[in-house]
């Protein structure tokens, strides 16, 4: 994960973001839970179809998606 110190923004690697999307598509709850912990501060924008799938507003970040997954699995 890389972090922009100037803005406080945090971006997860493309590989980590792709693994999250693939785990979501595969309904792999164990992997989703693990990946979500690493994405809780990611400011990258989720794909719009993923936002719809998670019931989130279009333009939501991976951090918002990760929190939605964590809450859903609690």
N, C-alpha and C. Protein backbone atom coordinates (compact mmCIF):
# COMPACT_ATOMS: atom_id res chain seq x y z
N UNK A 1 0.86 -1.17 0.00
CA UNK A 1 0.00 0.00 0.00
C UNK A 1 0.90 1.23 0.00
N UNK A 2 0.52 2.21 -0.79
CA UNK A 2 1.27 3.46 -0.82
C UNK A 2 0.43 4.55 -0.19
N UNK A 3 1.11 5.52 0.38
CA UNK A 3 0.39 6.60 1.04
C UNK A 3 0.94 7.93 0.57
N UNK A 4 0.07 8.87 0.32
CA UNK A 4 0.46 10.22 -0.02
C UNK A 4 0.51 11.04 1.26
N UNK A 5 1.69 11.34 1.73
CA UNK A 5 1.84 12.03 3.01
C UNK A 5 1.27 13.44 2.96
N UNK A 6 1.39 14.10 1.82
CA UNK A 6 0.94 15.48 1.73
C UNK A 6 -0.57 15.61 1.93
N UNK A 7 -1.33 14.70 1.36
CA UNK A 7 -2.78 14.83 1.43
C UNK A 7 -3.41 13.91 2.47
N UNK A 8 -2.64 12.97 2.99
CA UNK A 8 -3.19 12.02 3.93
C UNK A 8 -3.98 10.92 3.23
N UNK A 9 -4.02 10.96 1.90
CA UNK A 9 -4.75 9.96 1.14
C UNK A 9 -3.96 8.66 1.10
N UNK A 10 -4.68 7.57 1.01
CA UNK A 10 -4.05 6.26 0.98
C UNK A 10 -4.61 5.48 -0.20
N UNK A 11 -3.72 4.89 -0.96
CA UNK A 11 -4.12 4.12 -2.12
C UNK A 11 -3.58 2.70 -2.00
N UNK A 12 -4.46 1.73 -2.11
CA UNK A 12 -4.03 0.33 -2.12
C UNK A 12 -3.49 -0.01 -3.51
N UNK A 13 -2.67 -1.02 -3.58
CA UNK A 13 -2.12 -1.43 -4.87
C UNK A 13 -3.23 -1.94 -5.78
N UNK A 14 -3.05 -1.81 -7.08
CA UNK A 14 -4.05 -2.33 -8.02
C UNK A 14 -4.29 -3.83 -7.81
N UNK A 15 -3.23 -4.57 -7.48
CA UNK A 15 -3.38 -6.00 -7.27
C UNK A 15 -4.30 -6.29 -6.08
N UNK A 16 -4.15 -5.55 -5.00
CA UNK A 16 -5.00 -5.74 -3.82
C UNK A 16 -6.45 -5.37 -4.14
N UNK A 17 -6.64 -4.29 -4.86
CA UNK A 17 -8.00 -3.88 -5.24
C UNK A 17 -8.65 -4.92 -6.14
N UNK A 18 -7.89 -5.46 -7.09
CA UNK A 18 -8.43 -6.50 -7.98
C UNK A 18 -8.77 -7.77 -7.21
N UNK A 19 -7.95 -8.14 -6.25
CA UNK A 19 -8.24 -9.32 -5.43
C UNK A 19 -9.54 -9.13 -4.66
N UNK A 20 -9.77 -7.92 -4.16
CA UNK A 20 -11.01 -7.61 -3.44
C UNK A 20 -12.22 -7.78 -4.37
N UNK A 21 -12.14 -7.23 -5.57
CA UNK A 21 -13.24 -7.33 -6.53
C UNK A 21 -13.49 -8.79 -6.92
N UNK A 22 -12.41 -9.55 -7.14
CA UNK A 22 -12.56 -10.95 -7.51
C UNK A 22 -13.16 -11.77 -6.37
N UNK A 23 -12.75 -11.49 -5.13
CA UNK A 23 -13.30 -12.19 -3.97
C UNK A 23 -14.78 -11.86 -3.81
N UNK A 24 -15.14 -10.63 -4.10
CA UNK A 24 -16.54 -10.22 -4.03
C UNK A 24 -17.36 -10.98 -5.08
N UNK A 25 -16.84 -11.05 -6.30
CA UNK A 25 -17.52 -11.79 -7.37
C UNK A 25 -17.67 -13.27 -7.04
N UNK A 26 -16.65 -13.84 -6.36
CA UNK A 26 -16.65 -15.26 -6.02
C UNK A 26 -17.38 -15.55 -4.71
N UNK A 27 -17.84 -14.51 -4.04
CA UNK A 27 -18.49 -14.66 -2.72
C UNK A 27 -17.59 -15.39 -1.73
N UNK A 28 -16.29 -15.08 -1.79
CA UNK A 28 -15.31 -15.69 -0.89
C UNK A 28 -15.24 -14.85 0.39
N UNK A 29 -16.13 -15.14 1.33
CA UNK A 29 -16.26 -14.31 2.53
C UNK A 29 -14.99 -14.23 3.37
N UNK A 30 -14.27 -15.34 3.50
CA UNK A 30 -13.04 -15.34 4.31
C UNK A 30 -11.99 -14.41 3.69
N UNK A 31 -11.80 -14.52 2.39
CA UNK A 31 -10.83 -13.67 1.70
C UNK A 31 -11.29 -12.22 1.71
N UNK A 32 -12.58 -11.99 1.49
CA UNK A 32 -13.13 -10.63 1.52
C UNK A 32 -12.85 -9.95 2.85
N UNK A 33 -13.10 -10.68 3.93
CA UNK A 33 -12.89 -10.13 5.27
C UNK A 33 -11.42 -9.73 5.45
N UNK A 34 -10.51 -10.59 5.00
CA UNK A 34 -9.08 -10.31 5.12
C UNK A 34 -8.68 -9.09 4.28
N UNK A 35 -9.12 -9.07 3.04
CA UNK A 35 -8.77 -7.96 2.15
C UNK A 35 -9.39 -6.65 2.61
N UNK A 36 -10.61 -6.71 3.12
CA UNK A 36 -11.29 -5.50 3.58
C UNK A 36 -10.50 -4.80 4.67
N UNK A 37 -9.84 -5.56 5.52
CA UNK A 37 -9.02 -4.94 6.58
C UNK A 37 -7.90 -4.09 6.00
N UNK A 38 -7.39 -4.50 4.84
CA UNK A 38 -6.29 -3.77 4.20
C UNK A 38 -6.76 -2.59 3.36
N UNK A 39 -8.06 -2.50 3.14
CA UNK A 39 -8.60 -1.45 2.27
C UNK A 39 -9.37 -0.38 3.03
N UNK A 40 -9.36 -0.42 4.35
CA UNK A 40 -10.18 0.50 5.14
C UNK A 40 -9.79 1.96 5.02
N UNK A 41 -8.63 2.25 4.46
CA UNK A 41 -8.25 3.65 4.28
C UNK A 41 -7.96 3.98 2.81
N UNK A 42 -8.34 3.08 1.91
CA UNK A 42 -8.07 3.28 0.48
C UNK A 42 -9.04 4.30 -0.11
N UNK A 43 -8.49 5.33 -0.71
CA UNK A 43 -9.30 6.41 -1.27
C UNK A 43 -9.59 6.24 -2.76
N UNK A 44 -9.15 5.13 -3.35
CA UNK A 44 -9.49 4.88 -4.75
C UNK A 44 -10.99 4.63 -4.88
N UNK A 45 -11.54 4.97 -6.02
CA UNK A 45 -12.97 4.83 -6.26
C UNK A 45 -13.31 3.42 -6.75
N UNK A 46 -14.35 2.85 -6.16
CA UNK A 46 -14.85 1.54 -6.60
C UNK A 46 -15.49 1.65 -7.98
N UNK A 47 -15.46 0.58 -8.77
CA UNK A 47 -16.23 0.58 -10.02
C UNK A 47 -17.72 0.77 -9.71
N UNK A 48 -18.44 1.41 -10.60
CA UNK A 48 -19.86 1.70 -10.34
C UNK A 48 -20.68 0.43 -10.16
N UNK A 49 -20.36 -0.64 -10.88
CA UNK A 49 -21.11 -1.89 -10.72
C UNK A 49 -20.90 -2.47 -9.33
N UNK A 50 -19.73 -2.29 -8.76
CA UNK A 50 -19.46 -2.78 -7.41
C UNK A 50 -20.22 -1.95 -6.39
N UNK A 51 -20.30 -0.65 -6.63
CA UNK A 51 -21.10 0.21 -5.74
C UNK A 51 -22.54 -0.26 -5.72
N UNK A 52 -23.09 -0.55 -6.89
CA UNK A 52 -24.47 -1.02 -6.98
C UNK A 52 -24.62 -2.34 -6.23
N UNK A 53 -23.70 -3.27 -6.46
CA UNK A 53 -23.74 -4.58 -5.81
C UNK A 53 -23.74 -4.45 -4.28
N UNK A 54 -22.96 -3.50 -3.77
CA UNK A 54 -22.86 -3.32 -2.32
C UNK A 54 -23.92 -2.36 -1.77
N UNK A 55 -24.73 -1.79 -2.65
CA UNK A 55 -25.76 -0.85 -2.20
C UNK A 55 -25.19 0.49 -1.77
N UNK A 56 -24.11 0.89 -2.43
CA UNK A 56 -23.42 2.14 -2.08
C UNK A 56 -23.63 3.18 -3.18
N UNK A 57 -23.51 4.45 -2.84
CA UNK A 57 -23.62 5.49 -3.87
C UNK A 57 -22.47 5.37 -4.88
N UNK A 58 -22.77 5.67 -6.13
CA UNK A 58 -21.72 5.67 -7.16
C UNK A 58 -20.63 6.65 -6.74
N UNK A 59 -19.39 6.27 -6.93
CA UNK A 59 -18.26 7.11 -6.55
C UNK A 59 -17.72 6.80 -5.17
N UNK A 60 -18.28 5.78 -4.52
CA UNK A 60 -17.79 5.39 -3.19
C UNK A 60 -16.37 4.84 -3.31
N UNK A 61 -15.62 4.96 -2.25
CA UNK A 61 -14.23 4.50 -2.24
C UNK A 61 -14.15 3.03 -1.80
N UNK A 62 -12.97 2.47 -2.02
CA UNK A 62 -12.73 1.11 -1.54
C UNK A 62 -12.85 1.06 -0.02
N UNK A 63 -12.48 2.13 0.66
CA UNK A 63 -12.62 2.16 2.12
C UNK A 63 -14.08 2.01 2.52
N UNK A 64 -14.97 2.71 1.86
CA UNK A 64 -16.40 2.61 2.14
C UNK A 64 -16.90 1.20 1.81
N UNK A 65 -16.44 0.66 0.70
CA UNK A 65 -16.82 -0.70 0.32
C UNK A 65 -16.30 -1.73 1.31
N UNK A 66 -15.07 -1.54 1.77
CA UNK A 66 -14.50 -2.46 2.76
C UNK A 66 -15.30 -2.43 4.05
N UNK A 67 -15.67 -1.25 4.50
CA UNK A 67 -16.47 -1.14 5.72
C UNK A 67 -17.85 -1.78 5.54
N UNK A 68 -18.43 -1.64 4.35
CA UNK A 68 -19.73 -2.27 4.08
C UNK A 68 -19.61 -3.79 4.14
N UNK A 69 -18.53 -4.33 3.61
CA UNK A 69 -18.30 -5.78 3.64
C UNK A 69 -18.12 -6.24 5.08
N UNK A 70 -17.34 -5.50 5.85
CA UNK A 70 -17.09 -5.87 7.25
C UNK A 70 -18.39 -5.85 8.04
N UNK A 71 -19.20 -4.81 7.86
CA UNK A 71 -20.48 -4.71 8.57
C UNK A 71 -21.43 -5.82 8.15
N UNK A 72 -21.45 -6.12 6.87
CA UNK A 72 -22.33 -7.17 6.35
C UNK A 72 -21.98 -8.54 6.92
N UNK A 73 -20.70 -8.76 7.19
CA UNK A 73 -20.25 -10.05 7.69
C UNK A 73 -20.26 -10.13 9.21
N UNK A 74 -20.59 -9.04 9.88
CA UNK A 74 -20.60 -9.04 11.35
C UNK A 74 -21.85 -9.68 11.89
